[in-house]
């Protein structure tokens, strides 16, 4: 189960980096403060996911909430809300990444419900 969570987190971090590059390079809403900050947060969170899953330095202690399925699921819900809270008219990148965050949060929360004693 731990391996599946690690795989999901690393793939999601890679997708976040790719979508951040797309936002920075090709989207017209990047020039706004909101667009810039969302792109910045996506890169920051992707780096945070990679650090935690690869056990770099003390990242597991700094981001202790990402050690459990519940913490990961709730943080994915936060990122989902961040993607859809970007503007009145979110871009296709925000919608796609938001849907992916929602699906992974549901998966993580289901894993928590069934495997919380392990």
PDB file of N, CA and C in Angstrom:
ATOM      1  N   UNK A   1       0.815  -1.187   0.000  1.00  0.00           N
ATOM      2  CA  UNK A   1       0.000   0.000   0.000  1.00  0.00           C
ATOM      3  C   UNK A   1       0.871   1.268   0.000  1.00  0.00           C
ATOM      4  N   UNK A   2       1.960   1.213   0.775  1.00  0.00           N
ATOM      5  CA  UNK A   2       2.873   2.344   0.858  1.00  0.00           C
ATOM      6  C   UNK A   2       3.487   2.647  -0.505  1.00  0.00           C
ATOM      7  N   UNK A   3       3.817   1.592  -1.248  1.00  0.00           N
ATOM      8  CA  UNK A   3       4.409   1.756  -2.582  1.00  0.00           C
ATOM      9  C   UNK A   3       3.431   2.418  -3.545  1.00  0.00           C
ATOM     10  N   UNK A   4       2.159   2.062  -3.465  1.00  0.00           N
ATOM     11  CA  UNK A   4       1.139   2.650  -4.342  1.00  0.00           C
ATOM     12  C   UNK A   4       0.990   4.141  -4.037  1.00  0.00           C
ATOM     13  N   UNK A   5       0.980   4.506  -2.765  1.00  0.00           N
ATOM     14  CA  UNK A   5       0.886   5.916  -2.399  1.00  0.00           C
ATOM     15  C   UNK A   5       2.099   6.696  -2.888  1.00  0.00           C
ATOM     16  N   UNK A   6       3.276   6.108  -2.743  1.00  0.00           N
ATOM     17  CA  UNK A   6       4.501   6.763  -3.191  1.00  0.00           C
ATOM     18  C   UNK A   6       4.464   6.964  -4.703  1.00  0.00           C
ATOM     19  N   UNK A   7       3.998   5.969  -5.427  1.00  0.00           N
ATOM     20  CA  UNK A   7       3.901   6.055  -6.884  1.00  0.00           C
ATOM     21  C   UNK A   7       2.905   7.141  -7.309  1.00  0.00           C
ATOM     22  N   UNK A   8       1.766   7.193  -6.641  1.00  0.00           N
ATOM     23  CA  UNK A   8       0.761   8.227  -6.942  1.00  0.00           C
ATOM     24  C   UNK A   8       1.327   9.615  -6.678  1.00  0.00           C
ATOM     25  N   UNK A   9       1.991   9.786  -5.548  1.00  0.00           N
ATOM     26  CA  UNK A   9       2.548  11.101  -5.195  1.00  0.00           C
ATOM     27  C   UNK A   9       3.615  11.547  -6.188  1.00  0.00           C
ATOM     28  N   UNK A  10       4.504  10.630  -6.587  1.00  0.00           N
ATOM     29  CA  UNK A  10       5.577  11.009  -7.514  1.00  0.00           C
ATOM     30  C   UNK A  10       5.031  11.335  -8.905  1.00  0.00           C
ATOM     31  N   UNK A  11       4.056  10.561  -9.366  1.00  0.00           N
ATOM     32  CA  UNK A  11       3.433  10.868 -10.663  1.00  0.00           C
ATOM     33  C   UNK A  11       2.687  12.198 -10.605  1.00  0.00           C
ATOM     34  N   UNK A  12       2.021  12.449  -9.506  1.00  0.00           N
ATOM     35  CA  UNK A  12       1.303  13.705  -9.354  1.00  0.00           C
ATOM     36  C   UNK A  12       2.276  14.885  -9.292  1.00  0.00           C
ATOM     37  N   UNK A  13       3.398  14.710  -8.638  1.00  0.00           N
ATOM     38  CA  UNK A  13       4.409  15.776  -8.585  1.00  0.00           C
ATOM     39  C   UNK A  13       4.945  16.067  -9.984  1.00  0.00           C
ATOM     40  N   UNK A  14       5.182  15.031 -10.763  1.00  0.00           N
ATOM     41  CA  UNK A  14       5.649  15.223 -12.133  1.00  0.00           C
ATOM     42  C   UNK A  14       4.597  15.965 -12.966  1.00  0.00           C
ATOM     43  N   UNK A  15       3.328  15.570 -12.826  1.00  0.00           N
ATOM     44  CA  UNK A  15       2.248  16.262 -13.543  1.00  0.00           C
ATOM     45  C   UNK A  15       2.143  17.720 -13.122  1.00  0.00           C
ATOM     46  N   UNK A  16       2.320  17.986 -11.841  1.00  0.00           N
ATOM     47  CA  UNK A  16       2.265  19.364 -11.359  1.00  0.00           C
ATOM     48  C   UNK A  16       3.373  20.201 -11.975  1.00  0.00           C
ATOM     49  N   UNK A  17       4.568  19.632 -12.080  1.00  0.00           N
ATOM     50  CA  UNK A  17       5.672  20.363 -12.701  1.00  0.00           C
ATOM     51  C   UNK A  17       5.402  20.617 -14.183  1.00  0.00           C
ATOM     52  N   UNK A  18       4.890  19.612 -14.887  1.00  0.00           N
ATOM     53  CA  UNK A  18       4.581  19.772 -16.312  1.00  0.00           C
ATOM     54  C   UNK A  18       3.498  20.830 -16.502  1.00  0.00           C
ATOM     55  N   UNK A  19       2.443  20.766 -15.711  1.00  0.00           N
ATOM     56  CA  UNK A  19       1.354  21.735 -15.860  1.00  0.00           C
ATOM     57  C   UNK A  19       1.793  23.143 -15.443  1.00  0.00           C
ATOM     58  N   UNK A  20       2.718  23.237 -14.497  1.00  0.00           N
ATOM     59  CA  UNK A  20       3.244  24.556 -14.121  1.00  0.00           C
ATOM     60  C   UNK A  20       4.024  25.162 -15.269  1.00  0.00           C
ATOM     61  N   UNK A  21       4.821  24.348 -15.947  1.00  0.00           N
ATOM     62  CA  UNK A  21       5.562  24.839 -17.116  1.00  0.00           C
ATOM     63  C   UNK A  21       4.595  25.268 -18.212  1.00  0.00           C
ATOM     64  N   UNK A  22       3.527  24.512 -18.418  1.00  0.00           N
ATOM     65  CA  UNK A  22       2.505  24.892 -19.413  1.00  0.00           C
ATOM     66  C   UNK A  22       1.859  26.213 -19.008  1.00  0.00           C
ATOM     67  N   UNK A  23       1.531  26.358 -17.717  1.00  0.00           N
ATOM     68  CA  UNK A  23       0.932  27.618 -17.251  1.00  0.00           C
ATOM     69  C   UNK A  23       1.861  28.792 -17.464  1.00  0.00           C
ATOM     70  N   UNK A  24       3.140  28.604 -17.141  1.00  0.00           N
ATOM     71  CA  UNK A  24       4.107  29.695 -17.249  1.00  0.00           C
ATOM     72  C   UNK A  24       4.375  30.050 -18.706  1.00  0.00           C
ATOM     73  N   UNK A  25       4.510  29.044 -19.542  1.00  0.00           N
ATOM     74  CA  UNK A  25       4.910  29.292 -20.921  1.00  0.00           C
ATOM     75  C   UNK A  25       3.796  29.631 -21.884  1.00  0.00           C
ATOM     76  N   UNK A  26       2.633  29.062 -21.696  1.00  0.00           N
ATOM     77  CA  UNK A  26       1.619  29.152 -22.746  1.00  0.00           C
ATOM     78  C   UNK A  26       0.291  29.772 -22.342  1.00  0.00           C
ATOM     79  N   UNK A  27       0.056  29.990 -21.058  1.00  0.00           N
ATOM     80  CA  UNK A  27      -1.251  30.498 -20.641  1.00  0.00           C
ATOM     81  C   UNK A  27      -1.195  32.013 -20.488  1.00  0.00           C
ATOM     82  N   UNK A  28      -2.252  32.664 -20.891  1.00  0.00           N
ATOM     83  CA  UNK A  28      -2.290  34.124 -20.823  1.00  0.00           C
ATOM     84  C   UNK A  28      -2.597  34.638 -19.421  1.00  0.00           C
ATOM     85  N   UNK A  29      -3.144  33.802 -18.538  1.00  0.00           N
ATOM     86  CA  UNK A  29      -3.458  34.275 -17.194  1.00  0.00           C
ATOM     87  C   UNK A  29      -2.248  34.240 -16.270  1.00  0.00           C
ATOM     88  N   UNK A  30      -1.093  33.808 -16.774  1.00  0.00           N
ATOM     89  CA  UNK A  30       0.111  33.795 -15.949  1.00  0.00           C
ATOM     90  C   UNK A  30       0.558  35.208 -15.600  1.00  0.00           C
ATOM     91  N   UNK A  31       0.218  36.171 -16.427  1.00  0.00           N
ATOM     92  CA  UNK A  31       0.645  37.546 -16.205  1.00  0.00           C
ATOM     93  C   UNK A  31      -0.070  38.210 -15.041  1.00  0.00           C
ATOM     94  N   UNK A  32      -1.146  37.624 -14.569  1.00  0.00           N
ATOM     95  CA  UNK A  32      -1.831  38.167 -13.401  1.00  0.00           C
ATOM     96  C   UNK A  32      -1.137  37.671 -12.132  1.00  0.00           C
ATOM     97  N   UNK A  33      -1.380  38.358 -11.047  1.00  0.00           N
ATOM     98  CA  UNK A  33      -0.784  37.955  -9.773  1.00  0.00           C
ATOM     99  C   UNK A  33      -1.311  36.586  -9.350  1.00  0.00           C
ATOM    100  N   UNK A  34      -2.605  36.347  -9.543  1.00  0.00           N
ATOM    101  CA  UNK A  34      -3.191  35.069  -9.178  1.00  0.00           C
ATOM    102  C   UNK A  34      -2.589  33.933  -9.996  1.00  0.00           C
ATOM    103  N   UNK A  35      -2.455  34.130 -11.301  1.00  0.00           N
ATOM    104  CA  UNK A  35      -1.863  33.105 -12.153  1.00  0.00           C
ATOM    105  C   UNK A  35      -0.425  32.802 -11.784  1.00  0.00           C
ATOM    106  N   UNK A  36       0.328  33.846 -11.462  1.00  0.00           N
ATOM    107  CA  UNK A  36       1.718  33.650 -11.051  1.00  0.00           C
ATOM    108  C   UNK A  36       1.798  32.876  -9.738  1.00  0.00           C
ATOM    109  N   UNK A  37       0.984  33.253  -8.762  1.00  0.00           N
ATOM    110  CA  UNK A  37       1.036  32.608  -7.455  1.00  0.00           C
ATOM    111  C   UNK A  37       0.594  31.151  -7.529  1.00  0.00           C
ATOM    112  N   UNK A  38      -0.408  30.845  -8.334  1.00  0.00           N
ATOM    113  CA  UNK A  38      -0.838  29.451  -8.458  1.00  0.00           C
ATOM    114  C   UNK A  38       0.264  28.618  -9.107  1.00  0.00           C
ATOM    115  N   UNK A  39       0.914  29.154 -10.126  1.00  0.00           N
ATOM    116  CA  UNK A  39       2.033  28.441 -10.751  1.00  0.00           C
ATOM    117  C   UNK A  39       3.168  28.243  -9.751  1.00  0.00           C
ATOM    118  N   UNK A  40       3.459  29.268  -8.967  1.00  0.00           N
ATOM    119  CA  UNK A  40       4.502  29.175  -7.947  1.00  0.00           C
ATOM    120  C   UNK A  40       4.151  28.108  -6.913  1.00  0.00           C
ATOM    121  N   UNK A  41       2.902  28.096  -6.439  1.00  0.00           N
ATOM    122  CA  UNK A  41       2.489  27.107  -5.448  1.00  0.00           C
ATOM    123  C   UNK A  41       2.529  25.696  -6.012  1.00  0.00           C
ATOM    124  N   UNK A  42       2.156  25.527  -7.262  1.00  0.00           N
ATOM    125  CA  UNK A  42       2.204  24.190  -7.864  1.00  0.00           C
ATOM    126  C   UNK A  42       3.633  23.663  -7.923  1.00  0.00           C
ATOM    127  N   UNK A  43       4.569  24.517  -8.298  1.00  0.00           N
ATOM    128  CA  UNK A  43       5.973  24.098  -8.313  1.00  0.00           C
ATOM    129  C   UNK A  43       6.448  23.799  -6.901  1.00  0.00           C
ATOM    130  N   UNK A  44       6.114  24.651  -5.956  1.00  0.00           N
ATOM    131  CA  UNK A  44       6.518  24.460  -4.565  1.00  0.00           C
ATOM    132  C   UNK A  44       5.957  23.160  -3.988  1.00  0.00           C
ATOM    133  N   UNK A  45       4.674  22.897  -4.226  1.00  0.00           N
ATOM    134  CA  UNK A  45       4.057  21.674  -3.719  1.00  0.00           C
ATOM    135  C   UNK A  45       4.625  20.437  -4.403  1.00  0.00           C
ATOM    136  N   UNK A  46       4.943  20.531  -5.683  1.00  0.00           N
ATOM    137  CA  UNK A  46       5.545  19.392  -6.388  1.00  0.00           C
ATOM    138  C   UNK A  46       6.911  19.059  -5.792  1.00  0.00           C
ATOM    139  N   UNK A  47       7.702  20.089  -5.511  1.00  0.00           N
ATOM    140  CA  UNK A  47       9.003  19.868  -4.884  1.00  0.00           C
ATOM    141  C   UNK A  47       8.823  19.274  -3.488  1.00  0.00           C
ATOM    142  N   UNK A  48       7.803  19.740  -2.762  1.00  0.00           N
ATOM    143  CA  UNK A  48       7.515  19.214  -1.439  1.00  0.00           C
ATOM    144  C   UNK A  48       7.146  17.728  -1.518  1.00  0.00           C
ATOM    145  N   UNK A  49       6.297  17.349  -2.480  1.00  0.00           N
ATOM    146  CA  UNK A  49       5.923  15.944  -2.658  1.00  0.00           C
ATOM    147  C   UNK A  49       7.151  15.086  -2.963  1.00  0.00           C
ATOM    148  N   UNK A  50       8.016  15.570  -3.848  1.00  0.00           N
ATOM    149  CA  UNK A  50       9.207  14.805  -4.226  1.00  0.00           C
ATOM    150  C   UNK A  50      10.134  14.643  -3.019  1.00  0.00           C
ATOM    151  N   UNK A  51      10.332  15.698  -2.266  1.00  0.00           N
ATOM    152  CA  UNK A  51      11.202  15.623  -1.084  1.00  0.00           C
ATOM    153  C   UNK A  51      10.673  14.626  -0.057  1.00  0.00           C
ATOM    154  N   UNK A  52       9.378  14.645   0.183  1.00  0.00           N
ATOM    155  CA  UNK A  52       8.801  13.739   1.173  1.00  0.00           C
ATOM    156  C   UNK A  52       8.883  12.296   0.695  1.00  0.00           C
ATOM    157  N   UNK A  53       8.532  12.048  -0.552  1.00  0.00           N
ATOM    158  CA  UNK A  53       8.508  10.667  -1.046  1.00  0.00           C
ATOM    159  C   UNK A  53       9.899  10.085  -1.249  1.00  0.00           C
ATOM    160  N   UNK A  54      10.900  10.927  -1.479  1.00  0.00           N
ATOM    161  CA  UNK A  54      12.273  10.442  -1.660  1.00  0.00           C
ATOM    162  C   UNK A  54      13.086  10.549  -0.373  1.00  0.00           C
ATOM    163  N   UNK A  55      12.457  10.945   0.717  1.00  0.00           N
ATOM    164  CA  UNK A  55      13.099  11.037   2.033  1.00  0.00           C
ATOM    165  C   UNK A  55      14.314  11.951   2.037  1.00  0.00           C
ATOM    166  N   UNK A  56      14.204  13.102   1.423  1.00  0.00           N
ATOM    167  CA  UNK A  56      15.316  14.039   1.363  1.00  0.00           C
ATOM    168  C   UNK A  56      15.375  14.878   2.633  1.00  0.00           C
ATOM    169  N   UNK A  57      16.559  14.909   3.233  1.00  0.00           N
ATOM    170  CA  UNK A  57      16.839  15.673   4.456  1.00  0.00           C
ATOM    171  C   UNK A  57      15.806  15.361   5.538  1.00  0.00           C
ATOM    172  N   UNK A  58      15.187  16.377   6.103  1.00  0.00           N
ATOM    173  CA  UNK A  58      14.196  16.186   7.168  1.00  0.00           C
ATOM    174  C   UNK A  58      12.788  16.485   6.671  1.00  0.00           C
ATOM    175  N   UNK A  59      12.532  16.262   5.410  1.00  0.00           N
ATOM    176  CA  UNK A  59      11.235  16.638   4.839  1.00  0.00           C
ATOM    177  C   UNK A  59      10.080  15.846   5.439  1.00  0.00           C
ATOM    178  N   UNK A  60      10.314  14.613   5.843  1.00  0.00           N
ATOM    179  CA  UNK A  60       9.241  13.832   6.472  1.00  0.00           C
ATOM    180  C   UNK A  60       8.843  14.429   7.823  1.00  0.00           C
ATOM    181  N   UNK A  61       9.779  15.077   8.488  1.00  0.00           N
ATOM    182  CA  UNK A  61       9.453  15.753   9.754  1.00  0.00           C
ATOM    183  C   UNK A  61       8.834  17.114   9.507  1.00  0.00           C
ATOM    184  N   UNK A  62       9.330  17.841   8.518  1.00  0.00           N
ATOM    185  CA  UNK A  62       8.805  19.167   8.219  1.00  0.00           C
ATOM    186  C   UNK A  62       7.365  19.098   7.736  1.00  0.00           C
ATOM    187  N   UNK A  63       7.072  18.104   6.913  1.00  0.00           N
ATOM    188  CA  UNK A  63       5.731  17.947   6.345  1.00  0.00           C
ATOM    189  C   UNK A  63       5.128  16.644   6.864  1.00  0.00           C
ATOM    190  N   UNK A  64       5.001  16.568   8.171  1.00  0.00           N
ATOM    191  CA  UNK A  64       4.579  15.326   8.820  1.00  0.00           C
ATOM    192  C   UNK A  64       3.186  14.872   8.381  1.00  0.00           C
ATOM    193  N   UNK A  65       2.347  15.816   8.023  1.00  0.00           N
ATOM    194  CA  UNK A  65       0.984  15.465   7.618  1.00  0.00           C
ATOM    195  C   UNK A  65       0.960  14.649   6.333  1.00  0.00           C
ATOM    196  N   UNK A  66       2.031  14.661   5.547  1.00  0.00           N
ATOM    197  CA  UNK A  66       2.086  13.873   4.314  1.00  0.00           C
ATOM    198  C   UNK A  66       2.567  12.441   4.549  1.00  0.00           C
ATOM    199  N   UNK A  67       2.718  12.041   5.802  1.00  0.00           N
ATOM    200  CA  UNK A  67       3.127  10.670   6.103  1.00  0.00           C
ATOM    201  C   UNK A  67       1.956   9.705   6.143  1.00  0.00           C
ATOM    202  N   UNK A  68       0.731  10.199   6.156  1.00  0.00           N
ATOM    203  CA  UNK A  68      -0.438   9.314   6.215  1.00  0.00           C
ATOM    204  C   UNK A  68      -1.347   9.568   5.013  1.00  0.00           C
ATOM    205  N   UNK A  69      -2.180   8.600   4.752  1.00  0.00           N
ATOM    206  CA  UNK A  69      -3.136   8.729   3.650  1.00  0.00           C
ATOM    207  C   UNK A  69      -4.129   9.857   3.900  1.00  0.00           C
ATOM    208  N   UNK A  70      -4.506  10.037   5.156  1.00  0.00           N
ATOM    209  CA  UNK A  70      -5.447  11.097   5.493  1.00  0.00           C
ATOM    210  C   UNK A  70      -4.847  12.466   5.188  1.00  0.00           C
ATOM    211  N   UNK A  71      -3.618  12.691   5.605  1.00  0.00           N
ATOM    212  CA  UNK A  71      -2.964  13.965   5.343  1.00  0.00           C
ATOM    213  C   UNK A  71      -2.787  14.226   3.856  1.00  0.00           C
ATOM    214  N   UNK A  72      -2.403  13.190   3.120  1.00  0.00           N
ATOM    215  CA  UNK A  72      -2.234  13.338   1.672  1.00  0.00           C
ATOM    216  C   UNK A  72      -3.565  13.630   0.999  1.00  0.00           C
ATOM    217  N   UNK A  73      -4.613  12.910   1.410  1.00  0.00           N
ATOM    218  CA  UNK A  73      -5.926  13.123   0.815  1.00  0.00           C
ATOM    219  C   UNK A  73      -6.471  14.512   1.081  1.00  0.00           C
ATOM    220  N   UNK A  74      -6.316  14.990   2.307  1.00  0.00           N
ATOM    221  CA  UNK A  74      -6.791  16.333   2.632  1.00  0.00           C
ATOM    222  C   UNK A  74      -5.968  17.409   1.926  1.00  0.00           C
ATOM    223  N   UNK A  75      -4.669  17.179   1.784  1.00  0.00           N
ATOM    224  CA  UNK A  75      -3.847  18.155   1.075  1.00  0.00           C
ATOM    225  C   UNK A  75      -4.178  18.164  -0.415  1.00  0.00           C
ATOM    226  N   UNK A  76      -4.510  17.017  -0.971  1.00  0.00           N
ATOM    227  CA  UNK A  76      -4.942  16.970  -2.370  1.00  0.00           C
ATOM    228  C   UNK A  76      -6.261  17.712  -2.551  1.00  0.00           C
ATOM    229  N   UNK A  77      -7.151  17.619  -1.559  1.00  0.00           N
ATOM    230  CA  UNK A  77      -8.392  18.407  -1.624  1.00  0.00           C
ATOM    231  C   UNK A  77      -8.094  19.903  -1.582  1.00  0.00           C
ATOM    232  N   UNK A  78      -7.126  20.304  -0.767  1.00  0.00           N
ATOM    233  CA  UNK A  78      -6.718  21.699  -0.725  1.00  0.00           C
ATOM    234  C   UNK A  78      -6.189  22.145  -2.092  1.00  0.00           C
ATOM    235  N   UNK A  79      -5.362  21.326  -2.712  1.00  0.00           N
ATOM    236  CA  UNK A  79      -4.821  21.667  -4.039  1.00  0.00           C
ATOM    237  C   UNK A  79      -5.922  21.706  -5.090  1.00  0.00           C
ATOM    238  N   UNK A  80      -6.928  20.832  -4.953  1.00  0.00           N
ATOM    239  CA  UNK A  80      -8.088  20.851  -5.841  1.00  0.00           C
ATOM    240  C   UNK A  80      -8.802  22.197  -5.738  1.00  0.00           C
ATOM    241  N   UNK A  81      -9.017  22.659  -4.523  1.00  0.00           N
ATOM    242  CA  UNK A  81      -9.667  23.957  -4.329  1.00  0.00           C
ATOM    243  C   UNK A  81      -8.797  25.099  -4.833  1.00  0.00           C
ATOM    244  N   UNK A  82      -7.497  24.969  -4.700  1.00  0.00           N
ATOM    245  CA  UNK A  82      -6.570  25.977  -5.216  1.00  0.00           C
ATOM    246  C   UNK A  82      -6.671  26.080  -6.736  1.00  0.00           C
ATOM    247  N   UNK A  83      -6.776  24.943  -7.409  1.00  0.00           N
ATOM    248  CA  UNK A  83      -6.874  24.956  -8.873  1.00  0.00           C
ATOM    249  C   UNK A  83      -8.169  25.607  -9.349  1.00  0.00           C
ATOM    250  N   UNK A  84      -9.262  25.359  -8.660  1.00  0.00           N
ATOM    251  CA  UNK A  84     -10.532  25.934  -9.090  1.00  0.00           C
ATOM    252  C   UNK A  84     -10.792  27.310  -8.510  1.00  0.00           C
ATOM    253  N   UNK A  85      -9.994  27.738  -7.565  1.00  0.00           N
ATOM    254  CA  UNK A  85     -10.145  29.067  -7.005  1.00  0.00           C
ATOM    255  C   UNK A  85      -9.282  30.092  -7.703  1.00  0.00           C
ATOM    256  N   UNK A  86      -8.738  29.731  -8.846  1.00  0.00           N
ATOM    257  CA  UNK A  86      -7.780  30.603  -9.527  1.00  0.00           C
ATOM    258  C   UNK A  86      -8.427  31.827 -10.155  1.00  0.00           C
ATOM    259  N   UNK A  87      -9.632  31.695 -10.648  1.00  0.00           N
ATOM    260  CA  UNK A  87     -10.291  32.833 -11.289  1.00  0.00           C
ATOM    261  C   UNK A  87     -11.748  32.468 -11.540  1.00  0.00           C
ATOM    262  N   UNK A  88     -12.479  33.419 -12.088  1.00  0.00           N
ATOM    263  CA  UNK A  88     -13.871  33.156 -12.423  1.00  0.00           C
ATOM    264  C   UNK A  88     -13.966  32.176 -13.589  1.00  0.00           C
ATOM    265  N   UNK A  89     -12.955  32.178 -14.444  1.00  0.00           N
ATOM    266  CA  UNK A  89     -12.929  31.290 -15.599  1.00  0.00           C
ATOM    267  C   UNK A  89     -11.602  30.526 -15.613  1.00  0.00           C
ATOM    268  N   UNK A  90     -11.536  29.375 -14.909  1.00  0.00           N
ATOM    269  CA  UNK A  90     -10.266  28.643 -14.867  1.00  0.00           C
ATOM    270  C   UNK A  90      -9.906  28.068 -16.237  1.00  0.00           C
ATOM    271  N   UNK A  91      -8.617  27.974 -16.506  1.00  0.00           N
ATOM    272  CA  UNK A  91      -8.152  27.446 -17.788  1.00  0.00           C
ATOM    273  C   UNK A  91      -8.269  25.927 -17.797  1.00  0.00           C
ATOM    274  N   UNK A  92      -8.057  25.348 -18.964  1.00  0.00           N
ATOM    275  CA  UNK A  92      -8.168  23.892 -19.094  1.00  0.00           C
ATOM    276  C   UNK A  92      -7.094  23.194 -18.256  1.00  0.00           C
ATOM    277  N   UNK A  93      -5.956  23.832 -18.060  1.00  0.00           N
ATOM    278  CA  UNK A  93      -4.894  23.251 -17.239  1.00  0.00           C
ATOM    279  C   UNK A  93      -5.364  23.146 -15.790  1.00  0.00           C
ATOM    280  N   UNK A  94      -5.993  24.200 -15.300  1.00  0.00           N
ATOM    281  CA  UNK A  94      -6.485  24.200 -13.921  1.00  0.00           C
ATOM    282  C   UNK A  94      -7.587  23.165 -13.732  1.00  0.00           C
ATOM    283  N   UNK A  95      -8.483  23.062 -14.703  1.00  0.00           N
ATOM    284  CA  UNK A  95      -9.587  22.106 -14.606  1.00  0.00           C
ATOM    285  C   UNK A  95      -9.047  20.674 -14.613  1.00  0.00           C
ATOM    286  N   UNK A  96      -8.147  20.367 -15.536  1.00  0.00           N
ATOM    287  CA  UNK A  96      -7.594  19.020 -15.629  1.00  0.00           C
ATOM    288  C   UNK A  96      -6.806  18.650 -14.375  1.00  0.00           C
ATOM    289  N   UNK A  97      -5.963  19.556 -13.909  1.00  0.00           N
ATOM    290  CA  UNK A  97      -5.194  19.282 -12.698  1.00  0.00           C
ATOM    291  C   UNK A  97      -6.100  19.190 -11.476  1.00  0.00           C
ATOM    292  N   UNK A  98      -7.141  20.009 -11.428  1.00  0.00           N
ATOM    293  CA  UNK A  98      -8.103  19.933 -10.327  1.00  0.00           C
ATOM    294  C   UNK A  98      -8.830  18.608 -10.282  1.00  0.00           C
ATOM    295  N   UNK A  99      -9.225  18.096 -11.451  1.00  0.00           N
ATOM    296  CA  UNK A  99      -9.891  16.789 -11.511  1.00  0.00           C
ATOM    297  C   UNK A  99      -8.941  15.690 -11.055  1.00  0.00           C
ATOM    298  N   UNK A 100      -7.692  15.770 -11.479  1.00  0.00           N
ATOM    299  CA  UNK A 100      -6.703  14.775 -11.061  1.00  0.00           C
ATOM    300  C   UNK A 100      -6.497  14.832  -9.549  1.00  0.00           C
ATOM    301  N   UNK A 101      -6.409  16.037  -8.992  1.00  0.00           N
ATOM    302  CA  UNK A 101      -6.272  16.181  -7.539  1.00  0.00           C
ATOM    303  C   UNK A 101      -7.481  15.599  -6.816  1.00  0.00           C
ATOM    304  N   UNK A 102      -8.670  15.848  -7.333  1.00  0.00           N
ATOM    305  CA  UNK A 102      -9.868  15.321  -6.687  1.00  0.00           C
ATOM    306  C   UNK A 102      -9.872  13.799  -6.701  1.00  0.00           C
ATOM    307  N   UNK A 103      -9.528  13.206  -7.838  1.00  0.00           N
ATOM    308  CA  UNK A 103      -9.508  11.740  -7.934  1.00  0.00           C
ATOM    309  C   UNK A 103      -8.454  11.133  -7.005  1.00  0.00           C
ATOM    310  N   UNK A 104      -7.283  11.747  -6.952  1.00  0.00           N
ATOM    311  CA  UNK A 104      -6.257  11.206  -6.056  1.00  0.00           C
ATOM    312  C   UNK A 104      -6.628  11.407  -4.590  1.00  0.00           C
ATOM    313  N   UNK A 105      -7.334  12.486  -4.283  1.00  0.00           N
ATOM    314  CA  UNK A 105      -7.763  12.669  -2.895  1.00  0.00           C
ATOM    315  C   UNK A 105      -8.782  11.613  -2.499  1.00  0.00           C
ATOM    316  N   UNK A 106      -9.681  11.277  -3.411  1.00  0.00           N
ATOM    317  CA  UNK A 106     -10.654  10.223  -3.125  1.00  0.00           C
ATOM    318  C   UNK A 106      -9.934   8.889  -2.920  1.00  0.00           C
ATOM    319  N   UNK A 107      -8.942   8.598  -3.764  1.00  0.00           N
ATOM    320  CA  UNK A 107      -8.181   7.357  -3.624  1.00  0.00           C
ATOM    321  C   UNK A 107      -7.456   7.317  -2.286  1.00  0.00           C
ATOM    322  N   UNK A 108      -6.813   8.410  -1.921  1.00  0.00           N
ATOM    323  CA  UNK A 108      -6.083   8.457  -0.651  1.00  0.00           C
ATOM    324  C   UNK A 108      -7.022   8.323   0.552  1.00  0.00           C
ATOM    325  N   UNK A 109      -8.171   8.960   0.492  1.00  0.00           N
ATOM    326  CA  UNK A 109      -9.107   8.871   1.605  1.00  0.00           C
ATOM    327  C   UNK A 109      -9.722   7.476   1.713  1.00  0.00           C
ATOM    328  N   UNK A 110      -9.950   6.815   0.582  1.00  0.00           N
ATOM    329  CA  UNK A 110     -10.428   5.430   0.611  1.00  0.00           C
ATOM    330  C   UNK A 110      -9.352   4.522   1.199  1.00  0.00           C
ATOM    331  N   UNK A 111      -8.094   4.746   0.794  1.00  0.00           N
ATOM    332  CA  UNK A 111      -6.999   3.961   1.378  1.00  0.00           C
ATOM    333  C   UNK A 111      -6.931   4.167   2.882  1.00  0.00           C
ATOM    334  N   UNK A 112      -7.150   5.381   3.329  1.00  0.00           N
ATOM    335  CA  UNK A 112      -7.123   5.663   4.757  1.00  0.00           C
ATOM    336  C   UNK A 112      -8.236   4.897   5.478  1.00  0.00           C
ATOM    337  N   UNK A 113      -9.427   4.895   4.896  1.00  0.00           N
ATOM    338  CA  UNK A 113     -10.555   4.212   5.544  1.00  0.00           C
ATOM    339  C   UNK A 113     -10.329   2.708   5.676  1.00  0.00           C
ATOM    340  N   UNK A 114      -9.726   2.099   4.643  1.00  0.00           N
ATOM    341  CA  UNK A 114      -9.559   0.645   4.672  1.00  0.00           C
ATOM    342  C   UNK A 114      -8.264   0.192   5.336  1.00  0.00           C
ATOM    343  N   UNK A 115      -7.228   1.006   5.309  1.00  0.00           N
ATOM    344  CA  UNK A 115      -5.923   0.578   5.804  1.00  0.00           C
ATOM    345  C   UNK A 115      -5.369   1.469   6.913  1.00  0.00           C
ATOM    346  N   UNK A 116      -6.222   2.100   7.699  1.00  0.00           N
ATOM    347  CA  UNK A 116      -5.723   3.016   8.720  1.00  0.00           C
ATOM    348  C   UNK A 116      -5.059   2.307   9.890  1.00  0.00           C
ATOM    349  N   UNK A 117      -5.316   1.046  10.080  1.00  0.00           N
ATOM    350  CA  UNK A 117      -4.709   0.320  11.199  1.00  0.00           C
ATOM    351  C   UNK A 117      -3.323  -0.222  10.861  1.00  0.00           C
ATOM    352  N   UNK A 118      -2.911  -0.130   9.621  1.00  0.00           N
ATOM    353  CA  UNK A 118      -1.612  -0.690   9.224  1.00  0.00           C
ATOM    354  C   UNK A 118      -0.518   0.327   9.337  1.00  0.00           C
TER     355      UNK A 118
END
